[in-house]
Amino acid sequence: MMPQAAIATLADLEPGDRVEIARIVDIDGSVERLMVMGLVEGAEVEYVRCALGGDPLEFRVHGAAVSLRRAQARCFTVMPVKGHVQPG
């Protein structure tokens, strides 16, 4: 379940968590490409799973599966989706 006290990023989520991207930090070329694929402020994202070893992470955004390295996922600050109860 997504931590409530600390600022969470996409890297902090657990499978099934649905969040909204609140802020994007450390925008570099790889993060810009992810933004073109729909990972922008206000987008709703669901964490699906991670690969063995913990990297990459798979998310669903606008119905498409997107894989991010954990370092990239830390660039996206998130907040819970209003009206959605996190599993667990």
N, C-alpha and C. Protein backbone atom coordinates (compact mmCIF):
# COMPACT_ATOMS: atom_id res chain seq x y z
N MET A 1 0.85 -1.18 0.00
CA MET A 1 0.00 0.00 0.00
C MET A 1 0.89 1.24 0.00
N MET A 2 0.44 2.28 -0.66
CA MET A 2 1.22 3.50 -0.79
C MET A 2 1.41 4.17 0.58
N PRO A 3 2.67 4.59 0.89
CA PRO A 3 2.89 5.29 2.16
C PRO A 3 2.07 6.57 2.24
N GLN A 4 1.51 6.83 3.40
CA GLN A 4 0.65 8.01 3.56
C GLN A 4 1.42 9.21 4.08
N ALA A 5 2.41 9.02 4.98
CA ALA A 5 3.08 10.14 5.62
C ALA A 5 4.12 10.78 4.72
N ALA A 6 4.88 9.97 4.03
CA ALA A 6 5.97 10.49 3.21
C ALA A 6 5.46 10.81 1.81
N ILE A 7 6.23 11.64 1.11
CA ILE A 7 5.92 11.89 -0.29
C ILE A 7 6.23 10.62 -1.06
N ALA A 8 5.27 10.12 -1.79
CA ALA A 8 5.44 8.87 -2.53
C ALA A 8 5.79 9.14 -3.98
N THR A 9 6.51 8.21 -4.56
CA THR A 9 6.80 8.24 -5.98
C THR A 9 6.30 6.95 -6.60
N LEU A 10 6.35 6.86 -7.90
CA LEU A 10 5.94 5.62 -8.56
C LEU A 10 6.77 4.43 -8.08
N ALA A 11 8.00 4.68 -7.65
CA ALA A 11 8.87 3.60 -7.17
C ALA A 11 8.45 3.05 -5.82
N ASP A 12 7.57 3.75 -5.09
CA ASP A 12 7.16 3.35 -3.75
C ASP A 12 5.89 2.50 -3.72
N LEU A 13 5.27 2.27 -4.86
CA LEU A 13 3.96 1.63 -4.91
C LEU A 13 4.04 0.12 -4.79
N GLU A 14 2.88 -0.47 -4.52
CA GLU A 14 2.72 -1.92 -4.47
C GLU A 14 1.72 -2.31 -5.55
N PRO A 15 1.78 -3.55 -6.03
CA PRO A 15 0.86 -3.98 -7.08
C PRO A 15 -0.61 -3.68 -6.72
N GLY A 16 -1.32 -3.12 -7.69
CA GLY A 16 -2.72 -2.78 -7.50
C GLY A 16 -2.95 -1.34 -7.09
N ASP A 17 -1.91 -0.64 -6.62
CA ASP A 17 -2.07 0.77 -6.24
C ASP A 17 -2.42 1.60 -7.47
N ARG A 18 -3.40 2.48 -7.31
CA ARG A 18 -3.77 3.44 -8.37
C ARG A 18 -3.52 4.83 -7.82
N VAL A 19 -2.80 5.61 -8.58
CA VAL A 19 -2.41 6.95 -8.14
C VAL A 19 -2.55 7.93 -9.29
N GLU A 20 -2.42 9.19 -8.93
CA GLU A 20 -2.40 10.28 -9.91
C GLU A 20 -1.03 10.93 -9.81
N ILE A 21 -0.43 11.23 -10.95
CA ILE A 21 0.86 11.90 -10.95
C ILE A 21 0.64 13.35 -10.53
N ALA A 22 1.32 13.74 -9.45
CA ALA A 22 1.17 15.09 -8.90
C ALA A 22 2.26 16.03 -9.41
N ARG A 23 3.47 15.50 -9.59
CA ARG A 23 4.59 16.35 -9.96
C ARG A 23 5.68 15.50 -10.60
N ILE A 24 6.41 16.09 -11.51
CA ILE A 24 7.52 15.41 -12.16
C ILE A 24 8.79 16.21 -11.85
N VAL A 25 9.79 15.53 -11.33
CA VAL A 25 11.06 16.17 -10.98
C VAL A 25 12.19 15.57 -11.80
N ASP A 26 13.29 16.27 -11.89
CA ASP A 26 14.48 15.78 -12.59
C ASP A 26 14.17 15.34 -14.01
N ILE A 27 13.58 16.23 -14.78
CA ILE A 27 13.21 15.89 -16.16
C ILE A 27 14.46 15.85 -17.02
N ASP A 28 14.76 14.66 -17.52
CA ASP A 28 15.86 14.49 -18.48
C ASP A 28 15.28 13.87 -19.74
N GLY A 29 16.12 13.52 -20.67
CA GLY A 29 15.64 12.98 -21.94
C GLY A 29 14.78 11.74 -21.80
N SER A 30 15.16 10.83 -20.91
CA SER A 30 14.38 9.59 -20.77
C SER A 30 13.02 9.87 -20.14
N VAL A 31 12.96 10.80 -19.19
CA VAL A 31 11.69 11.15 -18.56
C VAL A 31 10.81 11.91 -19.55
N GLU A 32 11.39 12.74 -20.39
CA GLU A 32 10.61 13.44 -21.41
C GLU A 32 9.93 12.44 -22.34
N ARG A 33 10.62 11.38 -22.71
CA ARG A 33 10.01 10.35 -23.58
C ARG A 33 8.84 9.68 -22.88
N LEU A 34 8.96 9.45 -21.58
CA LEU A 34 7.86 8.85 -20.83
C LEU A 34 6.67 9.80 -20.77
N MET A 35 6.93 11.10 -20.68
CA MET A 35 5.85 12.08 -20.67
C MET A 35 5.08 12.05 -21.99
N VAL A 36 5.78 11.85 -23.09
CA VAL A 36 5.13 11.76 -24.39
C VAL A 36 4.19 10.54 -24.44
N MET A 37 4.53 9.50 -23.68
CA MET A 37 3.69 8.29 -23.64
C MET A 37 2.52 8.42 -22.68
N GLY A 38 2.35 9.59 -22.05
CA GLY A 38 1.19 9.81 -21.21
C GLY A 38 1.47 9.94 -19.72
N LEU A 39 2.70 9.80 -19.30
CA LEU A 39 3.03 9.96 -17.89
C LEU A 39 3.25 11.45 -17.61
N VAL A 40 2.14 12.16 -17.43
CA VAL A 40 2.15 13.60 -17.21
C VAL A 40 1.37 13.91 -15.93
N GLU A 41 1.55 15.12 -15.41
CA GLU A 41 0.82 15.52 -14.22
C GLU A 41 -0.67 15.38 -14.45
N GLY A 42 -1.35 14.76 -13.49
CA GLY A 42 -2.79 14.54 -13.58
C GLY A 42 -3.17 13.20 -14.16
N ALA A 43 -2.23 12.47 -14.75
CA ALA A 43 -2.54 11.16 -15.33
C ALA A 43 -2.74 10.13 -14.22
N GLU A 44 -3.73 9.26 -14.41
CA GLU A 44 -3.97 8.17 -13.47
C GLU A 44 -3.14 6.97 -13.90
N VAL A 45 -2.44 6.39 -12.93
CA VAL A 45 -1.50 5.30 -13.19
C VAL A 45 -1.78 4.16 -12.22
N GLU A 46 -1.73 2.93 -12.73
CA GLU A 46 -1.85 1.76 -11.87
C GLU A 46 -0.55 0.98 -11.91
N TYR A 47 -0.03 0.62 -10.73
CA TYR A 47 1.17 -0.20 -10.66
C TYR A 47 0.76 -1.66 -10.84
N VAL A 48 1.34 -2.32 -11.81
CA VAL A 48 0.96 -3.70 -12.13
C VAL A 48 1.89 -4.69 -11.44
N ARG A 49 3.20 -4.61 -11.72
CA ARG A 49 4.15 -5.56 -11.15
C ARG A 49 5.57 -5.11 -11.47
N CYS A 50 6.53 -5.81 -10.86
CA CYS A 50 7.93 -5.57 -11.20
C CYS A 50 8.56 -6.89 -11.65
N ALA A 51 9.63 -6.77 -12.39
CA ALA A 51 10.35 -7.94 -12.86
C ALA A 51 11.11 -8.58 -11.70
N LEU A 52 11.52 -9.82 -11.89
CA LEU A 52 12.36 -10.46 -10.90
C LEU A 52 13.60 -9.60 -10.68
N GLY A 53 13.99 -9.41 -9.47
CA GLY A 53 15.11 -8.53 -9.17
C GLY A 53 14.68 -7.10 -8.90
N GLY A 54 13.40 -6.78 -9.14
CA GLY A 54 12.86 -5.47 -8.79
C GLY A 54 12.96 -4.38 -9.84
N ASP A 55 13.46 -4.69 -11.02
CA ASP A 55 13.60 -3.67 -12.05
C ASP A 55 13.48 -4.34 -13.41
N PRO A 56 12.71 -3.86 -14.36
CA PRO A 56 11.89 -2.64 -14.34
C PRO A 56 10.54 -2.86 -13.66
N LEU A 57 9.81 -1.76 -13.54
CA LEU A 57 8.47 -1.74 -12.96
C LEU A 57 7.47 -1.57 -14.09
N GLU A 58 6.33 -2.25 -14.00
CA GLU A 58 5.31 -2.13 -15.05
C GLU A 58 4.10 -1.37 -14.50
N PHE A 59 3.67 -0.38 -15.28
CA PHE A 59 2.51 0.44 -14.93
C PHE A 59 1.51 0.42 -16.08
N ARG A 60 0.26 0.70 -15.76
CA ARG A 60 -0.77 0.86 -16.78
C ARG A 60 -1.20 2.31 -16.76
N VAL A 61 -1.11 2.96 -17.93
CA VAL A 61 -1.52 4.35 -18.07
C VAL A 61 -2.29 4.49 -19.37
N HIS A 62 -3.48 5.04 -19.32
CA HIS A 62 -4.36 5.20 -20.48
C HIS A 62 -4.55 3.86 -21.20
N GLY A 63 -4.63 2.76 -20.43
CA GLY A 63 -4.88 1.44 -21.01
C GLY A 63 -3.67 0.75 -21.59
N ALA A 64 -2.52 1.38 -21.57
CA ALA A 64 -1.30 0.80 -22.13
C ALA A 64 -0.33 0.42 -21.02
N ALA A 65 0.43 -0.65 -21.24
CA ALA A 65 1.46 -1.05 -20.28
C ALA A 65 2.74 -0.27 -20.59
N VAL A 66 3.34 0.30 -19.55
CA VAL A 66 4.57 1.07 -19.69
C VAL A 66 5.55 0.56 -18.63
N SER A 67 6.78 0.26 -19.04
CA SER A 67 7.81 -0.19 -18.10
C SER A 67 8.80 0.93 -17.85
N LEU A 68 9.14 1.11 -16.58
CA LEU A 68 10.09 2.14 -16.16
C LEU A 68 11.16 1.52 -15.29
N ARG A 69 12.36 2.04 -15.41
CA ARG A 69 13.39 1.68 -14.45
C ARG A 69 13.03 2.35 -13.13
N ARG A 70 13.46 1.75 -12.04
CA ARG A 70 13.15 2.29 -10.71
C ARG A 70 13.65 3.74 -10.58
N ALA A 71 14.81 4.03 -11.13
CA ALA A 71 15.36 5.40 -11.06
C ALA A 71 14.43 6.39 -11.78
N GLN A 72 13.87 6.00 -12.91
CA GLN A 72 12.93 6.87 -13.62
C GLN A 72 11.65 7.03 -12.81
N ALA A 73 11.16 5.95 -12.20
CA ALA A 73 9.93 5.99 -11.42
C ALA A 73 10.03 6.96 -10.25
N ARG A 74 11.24 7.15 -9.73
CA ARG A 74 11.43 8.09 -8.62
C ARG A 74 11.25 9.55 -9.03
N CYS A 75 11.20 9.82 -10.32
CA CYS A 75 11.01 11.20 -10.82
C CYS A 75 9.54 11.63 -10.80
N PHE A 76 8.63 10.70 -10.52
CA PHE A 76 7.19 10.98 -10.57
C PHE A 76 6.60 10.92 -9.16
N THR A 77 6.29 12.09 -8.60
CA THR A 77 5.63 12.17 -7.30
C THR A 77 4.14 11.93 -7.52
N VAL A 78 3.53 11.14 -6.63
CA VAL A 78 2.14 10.74 -6.84
C VAL A 78 1.30 10.97 -5.60
N MET A 79 -0.02 10.95 -5.82
CA MET A 79 -0.99 11.01 -4.72
C MET A 79 -2.09 10.00 -5.03
N PRO A 80 -2.79 9.52 -4.00
CA PRO A 80 -3.86 8.54 -4.23
C PRO A 80 -4.95 9.12 -5.13
N VAL A 81 -5.59 8.26 -5.89
CA VAL A 81 -6.71 8.67 -6.73
C VAL A 81 -7.91 8.87 -5.81
N LYS A 82 -8.55 10.01 -5.92
CA LYS A 82 -9.71 10.30 -5.09
C LYS A 82 -10.81 9.29 -5.37
N GLY A 83 -11.40 8.77 -4.28
CA GLY A 83 -12.50 7.82 -4.41
C GLY A 83 -12.07 6.40 -4.67
N HIS A 84 -10.76 6.15 -4.75
CA HIS A 84 -10.27 4.78 -4.96
C HIS A 84 -9.69 4.25 -3.67
N VAL A 85 -10.15 3.08 -3.23
CA VAL A 85 -9.63 2.45 -2.03
C VAL A 85 -8.46 1.57 -2.43
N GLN A 86 -7.30 1.79 -1.82
CA GLN A 86 -6.12 1.00 -2.13
C GLN A 86 -6.33 -0.41 -1.58
N PRO A 87 -5.92 -1.45 -2.32
CA PRO A 87 -6.04 -2.82 -1.82
C PRO A 87 -5.15 -3.03 -0.60
N GLY A 88 -5.49 -4.04 0.21
CA GLY A 88 -4.61 -4.38 1.34
C GLY A 88 -5.31 -4.17 2.58
